Amino acid sequence: MNKLIKKQIEDWEKKDKMFVSTRASDYVMEQLQDNSCLTLTAPSGVGKSFIARHTALLLKKEGYNIIPVYSPTDIKDYYQPGKQTVFIVDDICGNFTANQQQIDNWKQLLPVIKTIMADKCCKIIVSCRLQVYKDDKFKILSPFKSCECNLISDKLCLTSVEKTNIAKTYIGTSMTDIDDLSSKCDFFPLLCSLYHEKEDVDVKEYFKNPFDVYKRELDRLSEHGDEGNYKICSLALCVLFNNQLSEKWFKR
């Protein structure tokens, strides 16, 4: 295992200490008993990646080697027949729409994917935005359609008790009206995680109007002269390049 993968898994283990088990996370583990490939679907912020990583860490305790997949060829490069391996593929084929180029890349590797799925020692856990999964172009990737866990379905969506447990873990006991506040957005788990990192923000205001809270923060940044404007430009660059900024771009 290379150093980058090892460091990433260590980061997952730190964050996993805050993980709150749900019927969805239990269901995913159950399904992996009989399925070699499983796809978690939901809109952004529902917890697809967190559940995928938590599941991988549980499998690690059973002796599995974790391989985060950054490009389709990683699966082919890291696959070792007969060796317990769990591959984690995050946001497969695009964040907002089904990316045709990425679909074509995966299509070329379908024979390898099917070989891995036939190897009882290997698991593939995929996370996919719901709108990407439902796109007609995605249908050709049949192995990833073999077992879907839709996290916002009636069967797997968060219960009132689970929402309360998540709120207690990330926010403390100060939050009331949890059902009313959480029903206004699918990305309730993400909001809890983000609030946990904030200070001096009213909890009810944050959950009722999260975008207003961040808009005010950006407005305040612009009031701090050049330094604030540099930070806004840096943030815009990170968004435009999807957090993939290369250090060499800034050397000259």
C-alpha atoms as a PDB file:
ATOM      1  CA  MET A   1       0.000   0.000   0.000  1.00  0.00           C
ATOM      2  CA  ASN A   2       1.461   3.354  -0.975  1.00  0.00           C
ATOM      3  CA  LYS A   3       1.855   6.239   1.478  1.00  0.00           C
ATOM      4  CA  LEU A   4      -0.973   8.324  -0.021  1.00  0.00           C
ATOM      5  CA  ILE A   5      -3.516   5.529   0.412  1.00  0.00           C
ATOM      6  CA  LYS A   6      -2.277   4.780   3.929  1.00  0.00           C
ATOM      7  CA  LYS A   7      -2.572   8.448   4.923  1.00  0.00           C
ATOM      8  CA  GLN A   8      -6.067   8.671   3.464  1.00  0.00           C
ATOM      9  CA  ILE A   9      -7.252   5.611   5.366  1.00  0.00           C
ATOM     10  CA  GLU A  10      -5.809   7.041   8.589  1.00  0.00           C
ATOM     11  CA  ASP A  11      -7.843  10.196   7.929  1.00  0.00           C
ATOM     12  CA  TRP A  12     -10.961   8.074   7.389  1.00  0.00           C
ATOM     13  CA  GLU A  13     -10.330   6.309  10.709  1.00  0.00           C
ATOM     14  CA  LYS A  14     -10.114   9.624  12.577  1.00  0.00           C
ATOM     15  CA  LYS A  15     -13.388  10.873  11.081  1.00  0.00           C
ATOM     16  CA  ASP A  16     -15.050   7.503  11.609  1.00  0.00           C
ATOM     17  CA  LYS A  17     -14.944   8.055  15.375  1.00  0.00           C
ATOM     18  CA  MET A  18     -17.902  10.416  14.814  1.00  0.00           C
ATOM     19  CA  PHE A  19     -19.844   7.909  12.699  1.00  0.00           C
ATOM     20  CA  VAL A  20     -23.421   7.234  13.804  1.00  0.00           C
ATOM     21  CA  SER A  21     -24.764   3.828  12.793  1.00  0.00           C
ATOM     22  CA  THR A  22     -28.085   3.852  10.941  1.00  0.00           C
ATOM     23  CA  ARG A  23     -30.380   1.280   9.369  1.00  0.00           C
ATOM     24  CA  ALA A  24     -28.816   2.258   6.034  1.00  0.00           C
ATOM     25  CA  SER A  25     -25.252   1.512   7.183  1.00  0.00           C
ATOM     26  CA  ASP A  26     -26.418  -1.806   8.685  1.00  0.00           C
ATOM     27  CA  TYR A  27     -28.245  -2.670   5.444  1.00  0.00           C
ATOM     28  CA  VAL A  28     -25.125  -1.988   3.366  1.00  0.00           C
ATOM     29  CA  MET A  29     -23.108  -4.487   5.429  1.00  0.00           C
ATOM     30  CA  GLU A  30     -25.908  -7.049   5.085  1.00  0.00           C
ATOM     31  CA  GLN A  31     -26.054  -6.643   1.308  1.00  0.00           C
ATOM     32  CA  LEU A  32     -22.293  -7.070   0.964  1.00  0.00           C
ATOM     33  CA  GLN A  33     -22.600 -10.584   2.376  1.00  0.00           C
ATOM     34  CA  ASP A  34     -24.237 -11.704  -0.871  1.00  0.00           C
ATOM     35  CA  ASN A  35     -23.142  -9.007  -3.343  1.00  0.00           C
ATOM     36  CA  SER A  36     -19.642  -8.274  -4.596  1.00  0.00           C
ATOM     37  CA  CYS A  37     -20.586  -4.835  -5.960  1.00  0.00           C
ATOM     38  CA  LEU A  38     -22.853  -2.310  -4.270  1.00  0.00           C
ATOM     39  CA  THR A  39     -23.781   1.240  -5.281  1.00  0.00           C
ATOM     40  CA  LEU A  40     -24.855   3.873  -2.752  1.00  0.00           C
ATOM     41  CA  THR A  41     -27.127   6.476  -4.349  1.00  0.00           C
ATOM     42  CA  ALA A  42     -28.453   9.759  -2.972  1.00  0.00           C
ATOM     43  CA  PRO A  43     -28.195  13.516  -3.550  1.00  0.00           C
ATOM     44  CA  SER A  44     -25.125  15.360  -2.304  1.00  0.00           C
ATOM     45  CA  GLY A  45     -24.590  15.608   1.443  1.00  0.00           C
ATOM     46  CA  VAL A  46     -26.673  12.606   2.534  1.00  0.00           C
ATOM     47  CA  GLY A  47     -23.670  10.536   3.632  1.00  0.00           C
ATOM     48  CA  LYS A  48     -22.840   8.212   0.718  1.00  0.00           C
ATOM     49  CA  SER A  49     -19.063   8.606   1.045  1.00  0.00           C
ATOM     50  CA  PHE A  50     -19.127   8.423   4.846  1.00  0.00           C
ATOM     51  CA  ILE A  51     -21.090   5.146   4.824  1.00  0.00           C
ATOM     52  CA  ALA A  52     -18.874   3.706   2.059  1.00  0.00           C
ATOM     53  CA  ARG A  53     -15.715   4.503   4.033  1.00  0.00           C
ATOM     54  CA  HIS A  54     -17.173   3.265   7.331  1.00  0.00           C
ATOM     55  CA  THR A  55     -18.142  -0.012   5.641  1.00  0.00           C
ATOM     56  CA  ALA A  56     -14.659  -0.349   4.177  1.00  0.00           C
ATOM     57  CA  LEU A  57     -13.135   0.167   7.644  1.00  0.00           C
ATOM     58  CA  LEU A  58     -15.377  -2.573   9.065  1.00  0.00           C
ATOM     59  CA  LEU A  59     -14.191  -4.894   6.301  1.00  0.00           C
ATOM     60  CA  LYS A  60     -10.593  -3.889   7.074  1.00  0.00           C
ATOM     61  CA  LYS A  61     -11.078  -5.383  10.546  1.00  0.00           C
ATOM     62  CA  GLU A  62     -12.011  -8.621   8.792  1.00  0.00           C
ATOM     63  CA  GLY A  63      -8.722  -8.585   6.911  1.00  0.00           C
ATOM     64  CA  TYR A  64      -9.621  -6.657   3.754  1.00  0.00           C
ATOM     65  CA  ASN A  65      -7.167  -4.314   2.077  1.00  0.00           C
ATOM     66  CA  ILE A  66      -8.777  -0.924   1.243  1.00  0.00           C
ATOM     67  CA  ILE A  67      -8.091   0.649  -2.157  1.00  0.00           C
ATOM     68  CA  PRO A  68      -9.589   4.111  -2.848  1.00  0.00           C
ATOM     69  CA  VAL A  69     -10.128   4.331  -6.620  1.00  0.00           C
ATOM     70  CA  TYR A  70      -9.203   7.657  -8.238  1.00  0.00           C
ATOM     71  CA  SER A  71      -9.389   6.467 -11.850  1.00  0.00           C
ATOM     72  CA  PRO A  72     -10.889   3.321 -13.421  1.00  0.00           C
ATOM     73  CA  THR A  73      -7.448   1.838 -14.156  1.00  0.00           C
ATOM     74  CA  ASP A  74      -6.692   1.767 -10.395  1.00  0.00           C
ATOM     75  CA  ILE A  75      -9.000  -1.234 -10.086  1.00  0.00           C
ATOM     76  CA  LYS A  76      -7.054  -3.155 -12.706  1.00  0.00           C
ATOM     77  CA  ASP A  77      -3.671  -2.089 -11.279  1.00  0.00           C
ATOM     78  CA  TYR A  78      -4.439  -2.984  -7.642  1.00  0.00           C
ATOM     79  CA  TYR A  79      -6.483  -6.146  -8.189  1.00  0.00           C
ATOM     80  CA  GLN A  80      -4.784  -9.297  -6.923  1.00  0.00           C
ATOM     81  CA  PRO A  81      -6.731 -12.532  -7.474  1.00  0.00           C
ATOM     82  CA  GLY A  82      -7.654 -14.276  -4.240  1.00  0.00           C
ATOM     83  CA  LYS A  83      -6.593 -11.374  -2.004  1.00  0.00           C
ATOM     84  CA  GLN A  84      -9.265  -9.778   0.208  1.00  0.00           C
ATOM     85  CA  THR A  85      -9.691  -6.283  -1.222  1.00  0.00           C
ATOM     86  CA  VAL A  86     -12.401  -3.637  -1.009  1.00  0.00           C
ATOM     87  CA  PHE A  87     -12.373  -0.963  -3.709  1.00  0.00           C
ATOM     88  CA  ILE A  88     -14.004   2.393  -2.914  1.00  0.00           C
ATOM     89  CA  VAL A  89     -15.184   4.436  -5.909  1.00  0.00           C
ATOM     90  CA  ASP A  90     -16.402   7.905  -4.922  1.00  0.00           C
ATOM     91  CA  ASP A  91     -18.808   9.907  -7.125  1.00  0.00           C
ATOM     92  CA  ILE A  92     -18.444   7.596 -10.090  1.00  0.00           C
ATOM     93  CA  CYS A  93     -18.988   9.173 -13.548  1.00  0.00           C
ATOM     94  CA  GLY A  94     -19.426  12.774 -12.414  1.00  0.00           C
ATOM     95  CA  ASN A  95     -20.805  15.012  -9.698  1.00  0.00           C
ATOM     96  CA  PHE A  96     -23.784  16.629 -11.395  1.00  0.00           C
ATOM     97  CA  THR A  97     -24.351  14.898 -14.743  1.00  0.00           C
ATOM     98  CA  ALA A  98     -23.193  11.583 -16.187  1.00  0.00           C
ATOM     99  CA  ASN A  99     -19.813  12.311 -17.762  1.00  0.00           C
ATOM    100  CA  GLN A 100     -19.637  10.474 -21.084  1.00  0.00           C
ATOM    101  CA  GLN A 101     -15.836  10.262 -21.068  1.00  0.00           C
ATOM    102  CA  GLN A 102     -15.811   8.674 -17.609  1.00  0.00           C
ATOM    103  CA  ILE A 103     -18.561   6.267 -18.631  1.00  0.00           C
ATOM    104  CA  ASP A 104     -16.514   5.238 -21.681  1.00  0.00           C
ATOM    105  CA  ASN A 105     -13.453   4.701 -19.462  1.00  0.00           C
ATOM    106  CA  TRP A 106     -15.409   2.417 -17.138  1.00  0.00           C
ATOM    107  CA  LYS A 107     -17.041   0.636 -20.094  1.00  0.00           C
ATOM    108  CA  GLN A 108     -13.599  -0.448 -21.346  1.00  0.00           C
ATOM    109  CA  LEU A 109     -12.906  -2.024 -17.951  1.00  0.00           C
ATOM    110  CA  LEU A 110     -16.184  -3.934 -17.621  1.00  0.00           C
ATOM    111  CA  PRO A 111     -14.491  -7.323 -18.289  1.00  0.00           C
ATOM    112  CA  VAL A 112     -12.082  -6.611 -15.400  1.00  0.00           C
ATOM    113  CA  ILE A 113     -14.957  -5.479 -13.151  1.00  0.00           C
ATOM    114  CA  LYS A 114     -16.851  -8.699 -13.867  1.00  0.00           C
ATOM    115  CA  THR A 115     -13.734 -10.767 -13.107  1.00  0.00           C
ATOM    116  CA  ILE A 116     -13.316  -8.971  -9.776  1.00  0.00           C
ATOM    117  CA  MET A 117     -17.011  -9.448  -8.945  1.00  0.00           C
ATOM    118  CA  ALA A 118     -16.626 -13.182  -9.595  1.00  0.00           C
ATOM    119  CA  ASP A 119     -13.694 -13.274  -7.154  1.00  0.00           C
ATOM    120  CA  LYS A 120     -15.384 -13.933  -3.816  1.00  0.00           C
ATOM    121  CA  CYS A 121     -12.471 -12.248  -2.017  1.00  0.00           C
ATOM    122  CA  CYS A 122     -13.198  -8.783  -3.467  1.00  0.00           C
ATOM    123  CA  LYS A 123     -15.837  -6.095  -2.897  1.00  0.00           C
ATOM    124  CA  ILE A 124     -16.545  -2.911  -4.851  1.00  0.00           C
ATOM    125  CA  ILE A 125     -18.404  -0.103  -3.053  1.00  0.00           C
ATOM    126  CA  VAL A 126     -19.502   2.763  -5.277  1.00  0.00           C
ATOM    127  CA  SER A 127     -21.088   6.105  -4.385  1.00  0.00           C
ATOM    128  CA  CYS A 128     -23.097   7.882  -7.063  1.00  0.00           C
ATOM    129  CA  ARG A 129     -25.239  11.002  -7.168  1.00  0.00           C
ATOM    130  CA  LEU A 130     -28.851   9.993  -7.767  1.00  0.00           C
ATOM    131  CA  GLN A 131     -29.222  12.092 -10.930  1.00  0.00           C
ATOM    132  CA  VAL A 132     -26.106  10.449 -12.410  1.00  0.00           C
ATOM    133  CA  TYR A 133     -27.305   6.945 -11.523  1.00  0.00           C
ATOM    134  CA  LYS A 134     -30.688   7.586 -13.176  1.00  0.00           C
ATOM    135  CA  ASP A 135     -29.149   8.957 -16.370  1.00  0.00           C
ATOM    136  CA  ASP A 136     -29.791   6.702 -19.390  1.00  0.00           C
ATOM    137  CA  LYS A 137     -26.084   6.804 -20.278  1.00  0.00           C
ATOM    138  CA  PHE A 138     -25.259   5.067 -16.970  1.00  0.00           C
ATOM    139  CA  LYS A 139     -27.311   1.963 -17.865  1.00  0.00           C
ATOM    140  CA  ILE A 140     -24.443   0.473 -19.862  1.00  0.00           C
ATOM    141  CA  LEU A 141     -22.442   0.030 -16.636  1.00  0.00           C
ATOM    142  CA  SER A 142     -24.627  -2.899 -15.586  1.00  0.00           C
ATOM    143  CA  PRO A 143     -22.355  -4.243 -12.778  1.00  0.00           C
ATOM    144  CA  PHE A 144     -22.875  -0.987 -10.879  1.00  0.00           C
ATOM    145  CA  LYS A 145     -26.655  -1.369 -11.251  1.00  0.00           C
ATOM    146  CA  SER A 146     -26.685  -4.872  -9.743  1.00  0.00           C
ATOM    147  CA  CYS A 147     -27.251  -3.781  -6.121  1.00  0.00           C
ATOM    148  CA  GLU A 148     -28.444  -0.257  -5.315  1.00  0.00           C
ATOM    149  CA  CYS A 149     -28.846   1.240  -1.843  1.00  0.00           C
ATOM    150  CA  ASN A 150     -30.828   4.480  -2.183  1.00  0.00           C
ATOM    151  CA  LEU A 151     -30.196   6.406   1.038  1.00  0.00           C
ATOM    152  CA  ILE A 152     -33.276   8.623   0.657  1.00  0.00           C
ATOM    153  CA  SER A 153     -35.685   5.745  -0.059  1.00  0.00           C
ATOM    154  CA  ASP A 154     -38.433   5.069   2.504  1.00  0.00           C
ATOM    155  CA  LYS A 155     -36.595   1.911   3.489  1.00  0.00           C
ATOM    156  CA  LEU A 156     -33.215   3.539   4.195  1.00  0.00           C
ATOM    157  CA  CYS A 157     -33.792   7.252   4.866  1.00  0.00           C
ATOM    158  CA  LEU A 158     -32.903   8.608   8.293  1.00  0.00           C
ATOM    159  CA  THR A 159     -35.442   7.965  11.046  1.00  0.00           C
ATOM    160  CA  SER A 160     -36.270  10.567  13.708  1.00  0.00           C
ATOM    161  CA  VAL A 161     -34.163   8.673  16.244  1.00  0.00           C
ATOM    162  CA  GLU A 162     -31.194   8.538  13.834  1.00  0.00           C
ATOM    163  CA  LYS A 163     -31.448  12.275  13.112  1.00  0.00           C
ATOM    164  CA  THR A 164     -31.486  12.968  16.840  1.00  0.00           C
ATOM    165  CA  ASN A 165     -28.435  10.749  17.402  1.00  0.00           C
ATOM    166  CA  ILE A 166     -26.521  12.480  14.578  1.00  0.00           C
ATOM    167  CA  ALA A 167     -27.468  15.913  15.951  1.00  0.00           C
ATOM    168  CA  LYS A 168     -26.336  14.942  19.460  1.00  0.00           C
ATOM    169  CA  THR A 169     -23.012  13.652  18.142  1.00  0.00           C
ATOM    170  CA  TYR A 170     -22.162  16.724  16.063  1.00  0.00           C
ATOM    171  CA  ILE A 171     -24.085  19.550  17.722  1.00  0.00           C
ATOM    172  CA  GLY A 172     -24.644  18.523  21.318  1.00  0.00           C
ATOM    173  CA  THR A 173     -27.971  18.502  23.115  1.00  0.00           C
ATOM    174  CA  SER A 174     -28.992  22.089  22.296  1.00  0.00           C
ATOM    175  CA  MET A 175     -30.985  21.244  19.171  1.00  0.00           C
ATOM    176  CA  THR A 176     -34.757  20.903  19.361  1.00  0.00           C
ATOM    177  CA  ASP A 177     -37.380  20.623  16.587  1.00  0.00           C
ATOM    178  CA  ILE A 178     -34.973  18.264  14.828  1.00  0.00           C
ATOM    179  CA  ASP A 179     -37.587  16.745  12.501  1.00  0.00           C
ATOM    180  CA  ASP A 180     -38.894  20.117  11.394  1.00  0.00           C
ATOM    181  CA  LEU A 181     -35.421  21.489  10.653  1.00  0.00           C
ATOM    182  CA  SER A 182     -34.070  18.347   9.009  1.00  0.00           C
ATOM    183  CA  SER A 183     -37.112  17.859   6.760  1.00  0.00           C
ATOM    184  CA  LYS A 184     -36.215  21.036   4.869  1.00  0.00           C
ATOM    185  CA  CYS A 185     -33.074  19.514   3.342  1.00  0.00           C
ATOM    186  CA  ASP A 186     -31.804  16.120   2.219  1.00  0.00           C
ATOM    187  CA  PHE A 187     -28.239  17.079   3.153  1.00  0.00           C
ATOM    188  CA  PHE A 188     -28.904  17.133   6.911  1.00  0.00           C
ATOM    189  CA  PRO A 189     -25.865  14.905   7.757  1.00  0.00           C
ATOM    190  CA  LEU A 190     -23.535  17.246   5.848  1.00  0.00           C
ATOM    191  CA  LEU A 191     -24.982  20.291   7.651  1.00  0.00           C
ATOM    192  CA  CYS A 192     -24.372  18.609  11.022  1.00  0.00           C
ATOM    193  CA  SER A 193     -20.774  17.878  10.055  1.00  0.00           C
ATOM    194  CA  LEU A 194     -20.189  21.444   8.825  1.00  0.00           C
ATOM    195  CA  TYR A 195     -21.829  22.985  11.913  1.00  0.00           C
ATOM    196  CA  HIS A 196     -19.541  20.900  14.124  1.00  0.00           C
ATOM    197  CA  GLU A 197     -16.588  22.862  12.669  1.00  0.00           C
ATOM    198  CA  LYS A 198     -18.180  26.286  13.140  1.00  0.00           C
ATOM    199  CA  GLU A 199     -18.286  28.677  16.080  1.00  0.00           C
ATOM    200  CA  ASP A 200     -20.622  31.474  17.199  1.00  0.00           C
ATOM    201  CA  VAL A 201     -23.487  30.622  14.851  1.00  0.00           C
ATOM    202  CA  ASP A 202     -27.050  30.163  16.100  1.00  0.00           C
ATOM    203  CA  VAL A 203     -27.938  26.523  15.492  1.00  0.00           C
ATOM    204  CA  LYS A 204     -31.539  27.148  14.411  1.00  0.00           C
ATOM    205  CA  GLU A 205     -30.586  29.968  12.074  1.00  0.00           C
ATOM    206  CA  TYR A 206     -27.862  27.783  10.552  1.00  0.00           C
ATOM    207  CA  PHE A 207     -30.169  24.868   9.822  1.00  0.00           C
ATOM    208  CA  LYS A 208     -33.002  27.044   8.550  1.00  0.00           C
ATOM    209  CA  ASN A 209     -30.829  29.207   6.285  1.00  0.00           C
ATOM    210  CA  PRO A 210     -27.381  27.574   5.817  1.00  0.00           C
ATOM    211  CA  PHE A 211     -26.744  29.369   2.517  1.00  0.00           C
ATOM    212  CA  ASP A 212     -27.438  32.754   4.120  1.00  0.00           C
ATOM    213  CA  VAL A 213     -24.885  31.995   6.843  1.00  0.00           C
ATOM    214  CA  TYR A 214     -22.151  31.259   4.281  1.00  0.00           C
ATOM    215  CA  LYS A 215     -23.169  34.213   2.101  1.00  0.00           C
ATOM    216  CA  ARG A 216     -22.695  36.549   5.075  1.00  0.00           C
ATOM    217  CA  GLU A 217     -19.280  35.012   5.746  1.00  0.00           C
ATOM    218  CA  LEU A 218     -18.225  35.668   2.145  1.00  0.00           C
ATOM    219  CA  ASP A 219     -19.569  39.227   2.346  1.00  0.00           C
ATOM    220  CA  ARG A 220     -17.551  39.799   5.511  1.00  0.00           C
ATOM    221  CA  LEU A 221     -14.428  38.480   3.774  1.00  0.00           C
ATOM    222  CA  SER A 222     -14.791  41.091   1.042  1.00  0.00           C
ATOM    223  CA  GLU A 223     -14.768  43.814   3.719  1.00  0.00           C
ATOM    224  CA  HIS A 224     -11.196  42.892   4.707  1.00  0.00           C
ATOM    225  CA  GLY A 225      -9.430  44.561   1.789  1.00  0.00           C
ATOM    226  CA  ASP A 226      -6.877  42.743  -0.342  1.00  0.00           C
ATOM    227  CA  GLU A 227      -6.413  39.849   2.066  1.00  0.00           C
ATOM    228  CA  GLY A 228     -10.135  39.080   2.058  1.00  0.00           C
ATOM    229  CA  ASN A 229     -10.328  39.357  -1.727  1.00  0.00           C
ATOM    230  CA  TYR A 230      -7.339  37.002  -2.121  1.00  0.00           C
ATOM    231  CA  LYS A 231      -9.180  34.438   0.014  1.00  0.00           C
ATOM    232  CA  ILE A 232     -12.355  34.777  -2.067  1.00  0.00           C
ATOM    233  CA  CYS A 233     -10.346  34.327  -5.285  1.00  0.00           C
ATOM    234  CA  SER A 234      -8.581  31.296  -3.794  1.00  0.00           C
ATOM    235  CA  LEU A 235     -11.922  29.782  -2.816  1.00  0.00           C
ATOM    236  CA  ALA A 236     -13.274  30.414  -6.336  1.00  0.00           C
ATOM    237  CA  LEU A 237     -10.217  28.668  -7.831  1.00  0.00           C
ATOM    238  CA  CYS A 238     -10.730  25.662  -5.560  1.00  0.00           C
ATOM    239  CA  VAL A 239     -14.356  25.421  -6.688  1.00  0.00           C
ATOM    240  CA  LEU A 240     -13.517  25.811 -10.391  1.00  0.00           C
ATOM    241  CA  PHE A 241     -10.827  23.126 -10.247  1.00  0.00           C
ATOM    242  CA  ASN A 242     -12.761  20.825  -7.873  1.00  0.00           C
ATOM    243  CA  ASN A 243     -10.046  21.068  -5.174  1.00  0.00           C
ATOM    244  CA  GLN A 244      -7.403  19.758  -7.584  1.00  0.00           C
ATOM    245  CA  LEU A 245      -4.898  22.631  -7.576  1.00  0.00           C
ATOM    246  CA  SER A 246      -1.320  21.806  -8.512  1.00  0.00           C
ATOM    247  CA  GLU A 247       1.474  23.494  -6.558  1.00  0.00           C
ATOM    248  CA  LYS A 248       3.564  23.969  -9.724  1.00  0.00           C
ATOM    249  CA  TRP A 249       0.920  26.342 -11.148  1.00  0.00           C
ATOM    250  CA  PHE A 250       1.862  28.869  -8.472  1.00  0.00           C
ATOM    251  CA  LYS A 251       5.658  28.600  -8.768  1.00  0.00           C
ATOM    252  CA  ARG A 252       6.230  31.338 -11.361  1.00  0.00           C
END
